[in-house]
């Protein structure tokens, strides 16, 4: 199959704080054994994109964007779960200094089989709002894959969240975030007791999705509110809120048992002076889901041991959940103007002006 000599792609600028749409030579389309060449249809725009730019983590010229959906064009020689013509949704490693061709904000991209999910997808017909429902469009898939991969590391790998008849209790701070909402649904699905912390406007929905107990962020003493529940908490999961949220949850956890505390928002608990020896803290980074370290400009993220093996098993579980109709996404807003719409989406996220998950249609004219 022949491909164009050039493609449009968003690349990190020299100041590492912005993205620029460029016409660049198409990368070498030869594939490593477990790689897949994809024609990108839609790409998700996520809070982590702003985080990378705001902190200057990326290096000049790297690709960008972490969630992709599209059509399989070619497969590596060891790929077994996909074939040409399949529709696919993948997590990627945009801004990885050692893999500058990575990223979802381009017309063609390479993805890894182990970070990819096979969905039967079509394009959403018209309009800019895709309603709540099953993952059946490129836009929904592009908005959801990072949620799946992140929870694969935190819930499945770190918390060993499987349906094995064992009743556990999980505290989820940020129950209304994309990651947190899925965690509520899945934890309920496998029979765990769920305590969710979110703004009160989300409580009714989260209760329907499986939350047994609901608390609000907006409390004068959230740590005490959690303690007053007198719940036997096994796992705590902080999906947003930064240092403040992490400290509130940490201070509320029981002292008399081993508890795993996982954060996807803040990297450490160095700021906590009075450490509880029974709390095992971890920092989930979806970038490491391929089981390798990821290098940004000034630092690296190391994967948890066994991450790749767990993610492979988790993807199989997710695909079965999809067949059962379990996977549902919240409303999706499609930002117009193709790749030129990414900057608009990033601003909406930064300003807190988007309740929906945001995507761009990469295959549409800019």
Protein backbone atom coordinates (compact mmCIF):
# COMPACT_ATOMS: atom_id res chain seq x y z
CA UNK A 1 0.00 0.00 0.00
CA UNK A 2 1.30 3.46 -0.83
CA UNK A 3 1.17 6.40 1.56
CA UNK A 4 1.58 10.16 1.13
CA UNK A 5 5.03 11.68 1.42
CA UNK A 6 3.81 14.25 3.97
CA UNK A 7 1.24 14.48 6.73
CA UNK A 8 -0.20 17.15 9.01
CA UNK A 9 0.85 16.84 12.65
CA UNK A 10 0.92 18.92 15.81
CA UNK A 11 4.46 19.22 17.16
CA UNK A 12 5.87 20.77 20.33
CA UNK A 13 7.38 24.21 19.72
CA UNK A 14 10.84 25.42 20.73
CA UNK A 15 9.60 26.93 24.01
CA UNK A 16 8.01 23.50 24.81
CA UNK A 17 4.84 25.27 25.99
CA UNK A 18 2.81 25.22 22.78
CA UNK A 19 1.85 23.10 19.79
CA UNK A 20 2.22 24.03 16.13
CA UNK A 21 0.47 22.44 13.16
CA UNK A 22 3.12 21.42 10.66
CA UNK A 23 3.31 19.69 7.31
CA UNK A 24 6.02 17.10 7.93
CA UNK A 25 7.49 14.13 6.07
CA UNK A 26 5.63 10.95 6.89
CA UNK A 27 7.65 8.77 9.24
CA UNK A 28 9.09 5.46 8.07
CA UNK A 29 6.04 3.18 7.88
CA UNK A 30 8.08 0.03 8.56
CA UNK A 31 6.79 -1.56 11.76
CA UNK A 32 8.35 -3.23 14.78
CA UNK A 33 6.91 -6.71 15.49
CA UNK A 34 4.14 -5.52 17.84
CA UNK A 35 3.36 -2.19 16.18
CA UNK A 36 0.28 -1.24 14.17
CA UNK A 37 0.03 1.52 11.55
CA UNK A 38 -3.20 3.48 11.94
CA UNK A 39 -5.04 6.06 9.88
CA UNK A 40 -6.24 8.41 12.62
CA UNK A 41 -9.93 9.32 12.55
CA UNK A 42 -10.38 10.93 15.98
CA UNK A 43 -8.15 11.96 18.88
CA UNK A 44 -9.00 12.75 22.47
CA UNK A 45 -7.84 15.97 24.13
CA UNK A 46 -7.04 15.39 27.80
CA UNK A 47 -6.00 17.22 30.96
CA UNK A 48 -2.61 15.50 30.82
CA UNK A 49 -1.90 17.33 27.55
CA UNK A 50 -2.15 20.66 29.37
CA UNK A 51 -0.10 19.29 32.26
CA UNK A 52 2.77 18.33 29.95
CA UNK A 53 2.77 21.70 28.19
CA UNK A 54 2.35 23.80 31.32
CA UNK A 55 5.26 22.06 33.03
CA UNK A 56 7.51 22.14 29.98
CA UNK A 57 8.01 18.38 30.12
CA UNK A 58 8.19 17.84 26.37
CA UNK A 59 11.08 18.50 24.01
CA UNK A 60 10.95 20.45 20.78
CA UNK A 61 9.61 18.49 17.83
CA UNK A 62 7.92 15.66 19.71
CA UNK A 63 4.50 14.46 18.69
CA UNK A 64 1.57 14.98 21.02
CA UNK A 65 -1.72 13.49 22.17
CA UNK A 66 -2.38 10.23 24.02
CA UNK A 67 -5.66 8.74 22.75
CA UNK A 68 -6.32 7.67 19.18
CA UNK A 69 -9.01 5.89 17.23
CA UNK A 70 -8.84 4.95 13.60
CA UNK A 71 -8.44 2.23 10.99
CA UNK A 72 -5.70 -0.40 10.91
CA UNK A 73 -3.57 -0.06 7.76
CA UNK A 74 -0.66 -2.41 8.49
CA UNK A 75 0.33 -4.78 11.30
CA UNK A 76 3.70 -5.93 12.62
CA UNK A 77 4.68 -9.56 12.13
CA UNK A 78 3.86 -10.58 15.72
CA UNK A 79 0.49 -8.79 15.98
CA UNK A 80 -2.28 -11.38 16.46
CA UNK A 81 -5.38 -9.49 17.65
CA UNK A 82 -5.79 -7.13 14.69
CA UNK A 83 -5.85 -7.27 10.93
CA UNK A 84 -5.96 -4.70 8.14
CA UNK A 85 -9.25 -2.83 8.05
CA UNK A 86 -10.11 -3.28 11.73
CA UNK A 87 -11.27 -0.27 13.70
CA UNK A 88 -9.07 0.38 16.71
CA UNK A 89 -8.66 2.59 19.75
CA UNK A 90 -5.23 3.04 21.32
CA UNK A 91 -3.33 4.74 24.09
CA UNK A 92 -0.12 6.45 22.98
CA UNK A 93 2.89 8.20 24.46
CA UNK A 94 2.77 11.71 23.06
CA UNK A 95 5.71 13.90 24.18
CA UNK A 96 8.04 10.93 24.73
CA UNK A 97 11.48 12.38 23.94
CA UNK A 98 12.77 9.07 22.58
CA UNK A 99 9.76 8.38 20.36
CA UNK A 100 9.08 11.66 18.60
CA UNK A 101 6.88 10.04 15.95
CA UNK A 102 4.37 9.02 18.62
CA UNK A 103 1.20 10.98 19.30
CA UNK A 104 -2.45 11.06 18.30
CA UNK A 105 -2.52 14.59 16.85
CA UNK A 106 -1.48 13.57 13.35
CA UNK A 107 -3.01 11.91 10.31
CA UNK A 108 -1.07 8.65 10.61
CA UNK A 109 0.46 7.08 13.68
CA UNK A 110 2.01 3.90 15.04
CA UNK A 111 0.49 2.21 18.08
CA UNK A 112 1.29 -0.89 20.14
CA UNK A 113 -0.99 -3.91 20.11
CA UNK A 114 -0.83 -4.19 23.91
CA UNK A 115 -2.23 -0.67 24.35
CA UNK A 116 -4.99 -1.11 21.76
CA UNK A 117 -8.61 -2.22 21.94
CA UNK A 118 -10.66 -3.66 19.11
CA UNK A 119 -14.01 -1.92 18.85
CA UNK A 120 -16.53 -1.96 16.00
CA UNK A 121 -16.60 1.76 15.26
CA UNK A 122 -18.25 4.20 12.91
CA UNK A 123 -18.12 7.98 12.67
CA UNK A 124 -20.77 9.96 14.52
CA UNK A 125 -23.21 11.28 11.94
CA UNK A 126 -23.55 15.01 12.53
CA UNK A 127 -23.48 17.67 15.19
CA UNK A 128 -20.93 18.32 17.89
CA UNK A 129 -22.39 16.44 20.87
CA UNK A 130 -22.27 12.64 21.02
CA UNK A 131 -24.75 11.38 23.65
CA UNK A 132 -24.03 9.07 26.58
CA UNK A 133 -23.95 5.46 25.52
CA UNK A 134 -21.90 2.46 24.40
CA UNK A 135 -18.58 2.82 22.60
CA UNK A 136 -19.67 2.58 18.98
CA UNK A 137 -18.06 5.61 17.32
CA UNK A 138 -14.49 6.72 16.70
CA UNK A 139 -15.18 9.81 18.77
CA UNK A 140 -16.29 7.87 21.86
CA UNK A 141 -13.38 5.47 21.61
CA UNK A 142 -10.84 8.28 21.31
CA UNK A 143 -12.26 9.92 24.42
CA UNK A 144 -12.18 6.77 26.54
CA UNK A 145 -9.00 4.78 25.94
CA UNK A 146 -6.86 6.65 28.48
CA UNK A 147 -9.54 5.92 31.10
CA UNK A 148 -9.27 2.21 30.34
CA UNK A 149 -5.48 2.07 30.39
CA UNK A 150 -5.12 4.19 33.55
CA UNK A 151 -7.56 1.97 35.42
CA UNK A 152 -5.79 -1.07 34.06
CA UNK A 153 -2.70 -0.04 36.00
CA UNK A 154 -4.36 1.33 39.15
CA UNK A 155 -7.41 -0.90 39.58
CA UNK A 156 -6.37 -4.13 37.93
CA UNK A 157 -2.60 -4.21 38.44
CA UNK A 158 -2.16 -2.36 41.73
CA UNK A 159 -5.44 -3.19 43.48
CA UNK A 160 -5.92 -6.63 41.86
CA UNK A 161 -9.53 -5.69 41.13
CA UNK A 162 -11.10 -8.86 39.76
CA UNK A 163 -14.42 -10.58 40.20
CA UNK A 164 -13.25 -13.34 42.55
CA UNK A 165 -15.95 -13.17 45.21
CA UNK A 166 -13.81 -11.24 47.68
CA UNK A 167 -15.57 -8.17 49.02
CA UNK A 168 -13.36 -5.09 49.27
CA UNK A 169 -14.05 -1.43 49.96
CA UNK A 170 -12.59 1.27 47.76
CA UNK A 171 -12.54 5.04 48.35
CA UNK A 172 -12.47 7.02 45.09
CA UNK A 173 -11.64 10.72 45.26
CA UNK A 174 -12.77 12.31 42.00
CA UNK A 175 -15.65 9.96 41.31
CA UNK A 176 -17.00 12.16 38.53
CA UNK A 177 -13.76 12.35 36.53
CA UNK A 178 -13.52 10.05 33.54
CA UNK A 179 -11.10 7.75 35.36
CA UNK A 180 -13.01 7.94 38.63
CA UNK A 181 -16.41 7.28 37.09
CA UNK A 182 -15.18 4.13 35.38
CA UNK A 183 -13.58 3.04 38.66
CA UNK A 184 -16.95 3.46 40.40
CA UNK A 185 -18.73 1.41 37.74
CA UNK A 186 -16.17 -1.37 37.53
CA UNK A 187 -15.67 -1.67 41.30
CA UNK A 188 -19.43 -2.03 41.72
CA UNK A 189 -19.52 -4.56 38.87
CA UNK A 190 -17.06 -6.88 40.63
CA UNK A 191 -18.92 -6.61 43.93
CA UNK A 192 -16.83 -4.10 45.84
CA UNK A 193 -18.26 -1.48 48.18
CA UNK A 194 -17.69 2.00 46.71
CA UNK A 195 -17.22 5.30 48.54
CA UNK A 196 -17.13 8.13 46.00
CA UNK A 197 -16.14 11.74 46.58
CA UNK A 198 -17.43 14.24 44.02
CA UNK A 199 -19.37 17.47 43.70
CA UNK A 200 -22.97 17.01 44.82
CA UNK A 201 -24.26 17.68 41.31
CA UNK A 202 -22.81 14.32 40.25
CA UNK A 203 -24.12 12.30 43.17
CA UNK A 204 -27.36 11.08 41.61
CA UNK A 205 -25.57 9.74 38.53
CA UNK A 206 -22.79 8.11 40.56
CA UNK A 207 -25.33 6.41 42.82
CA UNK A 208 -27.00 4.88 39.78
CA UNK A 209 -23.59 3.74 38.54
CA UNK A 210 -22.76 1.89 41.73
CA UNK A 211 -21.55 4.24 44.47
CA UNK A 212 -22.73 2.99 47.87
CA UNK A 213 -21.64 6.07 49.83
CA UNK A 214 -21.21 9.61 48.52
CA UNK A 215 -19.32 12.55 49.98
CA UNK A 216 -18.71 16.01 48.58
CA UNK A 217 -15.40 17.79 48.00
CA UNK A 218 -16.87 20.94 49.46
CA UNK A 219 -16.59 20.08 53.13
CA UNK A 220 -14.97 22.01 55.95
CA UNK A 221 -13.27 18.79 57.07
CA UNK A 222 -13.39 16.04 54.46
CA UNK A 223 -10.88 13.88 56.32
CA UNK A 224 -13.16 13.80 59.35
CA UNK A 225 -16.19 13.10 57.14
CA UNK A 226 -14.40 10.02 55.81
CA UNK A 227 -13.40 8.89 59.31
CA UNK A 228 -16.97 9.34 60.54
CA UNK A 229 -18.16 6.78 57.99
CA UNK A 230 -16.29 4.13 60.00
CA UNK A 231 -15.75 2.13 56.81
CA UNK A 232 -13.24 -0.70 56.53
CA UNK A 233 -11.32 0.78 53.58
CA UNK A 234 -8.97 -1.48 51.62
CA UNK A 235 -7.99 0.82 48.75
CA UNK A 236 -7.92 4.58 48.19
CA UNK A 237 -7.77 6.07 44.69
CA UNK A 238 -7.14 9.79 44.13
CA UNK A 239 -7.91 10.83 40.55
CA UNK A 240 -7.74 14.63 40.90
CA UNK A 241 -7.37 17.43 43.41
CA UNK A 242 -3.60 17.61 43.71
CA UNK A 243 -1.72 17.77 47.01
CA UNK A 244 -4.75 18.92 48.99
CA UNK A 245 -6.87 15.95 47.96
CA UNK A 246 -4.07 13.50 48.59
CA UNK A 247 -3.50 14.84 52.10
CA UNK A 248 -7.21 14.77 52.98
CA UNK A 249 -7.50 11.15 51.93
CA UNK A 250 -4.21 10.14 53.56
CA UNK A 251 -5.19 11.70 56.88
CA UNK A 252 -8.55 9.90 56.83
CA UNK A 253 -7.33 6.35 56.26
CA UNK A 254 -7.40 3.84 59.12
CA UNK A 255 -4.20 3.27 61.08
CA UNK A 256 -4.73 -0.38 61.96
CA UNK A 257 -4.47 -2.16 58.58
CA UNK A 258 -2.47 -2.24 55.36
CA UNK A 259 -3.99 0.02 52.70
CA UNK A 260 -2.94 0.77 49.14
CA UNK A 261 -3.23 4.44 48.15
CA UNK A 262 -2.88 5.18 44.45
CA UNK A 263 -2.70 8.64 42.86
CA UNK A 264 -2.88 9.59 39.20
CA UNK A 265 -2.68 13.31 39.89
CA UNK A 266 0.15 13.98 42.36
CA UNK A 267 3.44 12.05 42.23
CA UNK A 268 4.49 11.65 45.86
CA UNK A 269 3.65 12.11 49.53
CA UNK A 270 6.88 13.87 50.49
CA UNK A 271 4.84 16.77 51.88
CA UNK A 272 3.27 14.54 54.54
CA UNK A 273 5.43 14.68 57.66
CA UNK A 274 3.58 12.18 59.86
CA UNK A 275 3.73 9.03 57.74
CA UNK A 276 1.47 6.05 58.34
CA UNK A 277 3.59 2.89 57.89
CA UNK A 278 0.51 0.90 56.90
CA UNK A 279 -0.16 3.00 53.79
CA UNK A 280 1.51 1.85 50.59
CA UNK A 281 1.58 4.79 48.17
CA UNK A 282 1.83 4.50 44.40
CA UNK A 283 1.72 6.87 41.44
CA UNK A 284 -0.01 5.52 38.34
CA UNK A 285 1.31 6.71 34.99
CA UNK A 286 -0.53 5.33 31.97
CA UNK A 287 2.49 6.27 29.84
CA UNK A 288 4.29 3.23 31.26
CA UNK A 289 1.56 0.74 30.34
CA UNK A 290 3.83 -0.81 27.70
CA UNK A 291 6.15 -1.90 30.52
CA UNK A 292 9.01 0.43 29.59
CA UNK A 293 10.30 3.68 31.01
CA UNK A 294 9.14 6.87 29.35
CA UNK A 295 11.51 9.81 29.07
CA UNK A 296 10.41 13.41 29.17
CA UNK A 297 12.77 16.37 28.96
CA UNK A 298 14.15 16.30 32.48
CA UNK A 299 12.99 13.04 34.04
CA UNK A 300 11.75 9.52 33.43
CA UNK A 301 8.81 7.42 34.57
CA UNK A 302 9.51 3.79 35.43
CA UNK A 303 6.74 1.18 35.10
CA UNK A 304 5.55 -0.99 37.96
CA UNK A 305 7.00 -4.51 37.68
CA UNK A 306 4.62 -6.73 35.73
CA UNK A 307 2.66 -3.84 34.22
CA UNK A 308 2.71 -5.05 30.62
CA UNK A 309 1.55 -8.55 31.51
CA UNK A 310 -1.33 -7.12 33.54
CA UNK A 311 -2.36 -4.70 30.80
CA UNK A 312 -2.56 -7.50 28.25
CA UNK A 313 -4.92 -9.43 30.54
CA UNK A 314 -6.87 -6.26 31.32
CA UNK A 315 -7.46 -5.46 27.64
CA UNK A 316 -9.02 -8.91 27.20
CA UNK A 317 -11.33 -8.20 30.15
CA UNK A 318 -12.26 -4.81 28.71
CA UNK A 319 -13.11 -6.27 25.31
CA UNK A 320 -15.41 -8.80 27.01
CA UNK A 321 -17.02 -6.01 29.05
CA UNK A 322 -17.63 -4.16 25.80
CA UNK A 323 -19.36 -7.19 24.29
CA UNK A 324 -21.58 -7.33 27.39
CA UNK A 325 -22.55 -3.69 26.85
CA UNK A 326 -20.91 -2.63 30.12
CA UNK A 327 -18.69 0.12 28.71
CA UNK A 328 -20.55 3.43 28.51
CA UNK A 329 -19.08 6.87 27.93
CA UNK A 330 -20.31 10.20 29.13
CA UNK A 331 -21.32 12.85 26.61
CA UNK A 332 -18.61 13.72 24.07
CA UNK A 333 -18.10 17.17 22.59
CA UNK A 334 -16.51 17.27 19.15
CA UNK A 335 -14.36 20.38 18.71
CA UNK A 336 -14.49 21.59 15.09
CA UNK A 337 -11.58 22.49 12.77
CA UNK A 338 -9.70 19.20 12.88
CA UNK A 339 -6.20 19.46 14.34
CA UNK A 340 -6.61 23.24 14.55
CA UNK A 341 -9.30 22.60 17.17
CA UNK A 342 -6.86 21.08 19.67
CA UNK A 343 -5.84 24.50 21.03
CA UNK A 344 -9.51 25.37 21.58
CA UNK A 345 -10.06 22.11 23.43
CA UNK A 346 -6.99 22.61 25.62
CA UNK A 347 -8.24 26.05 26.65
CA UNK A 348 -11.71 24.71 27.47
CA UNK A 349 -10.14 22.11 29.74
CA UNK A 350 -7.84 24.60 31.42
CA UNK A 351 -10.70 27.04 32.03
CA UNK A 352 -12.93 24.32 33.46
CA UNK A 353 -15.46 25.09 30.74
CA UNK A 354 -16.08 21.55 29.52
CA UNK A 355 -18.19 19.01 31.38
CA UNK A 356 -18.00 16.63 28.43
CA UNK A 357 -14.97 14.72 27.20
CA UNK A 358 -13.39 16.47 24.22
CA UNK A 359 -12.26 15.08 20.88
CA UNK A 360 -11.21 16.35 17.47
CA UNK A 361 -11.83 14.64 14.14
CA UNK A 362 -8.38 14.36 12.66
CA UNK A 363 -9.69 13.13 9.31
CA UNK A 364 -11.72 16.31 8.76
CA UNK A 365 -10.40 19.36 6.91
CA UNK A 366 -8.62 21.91 9.10
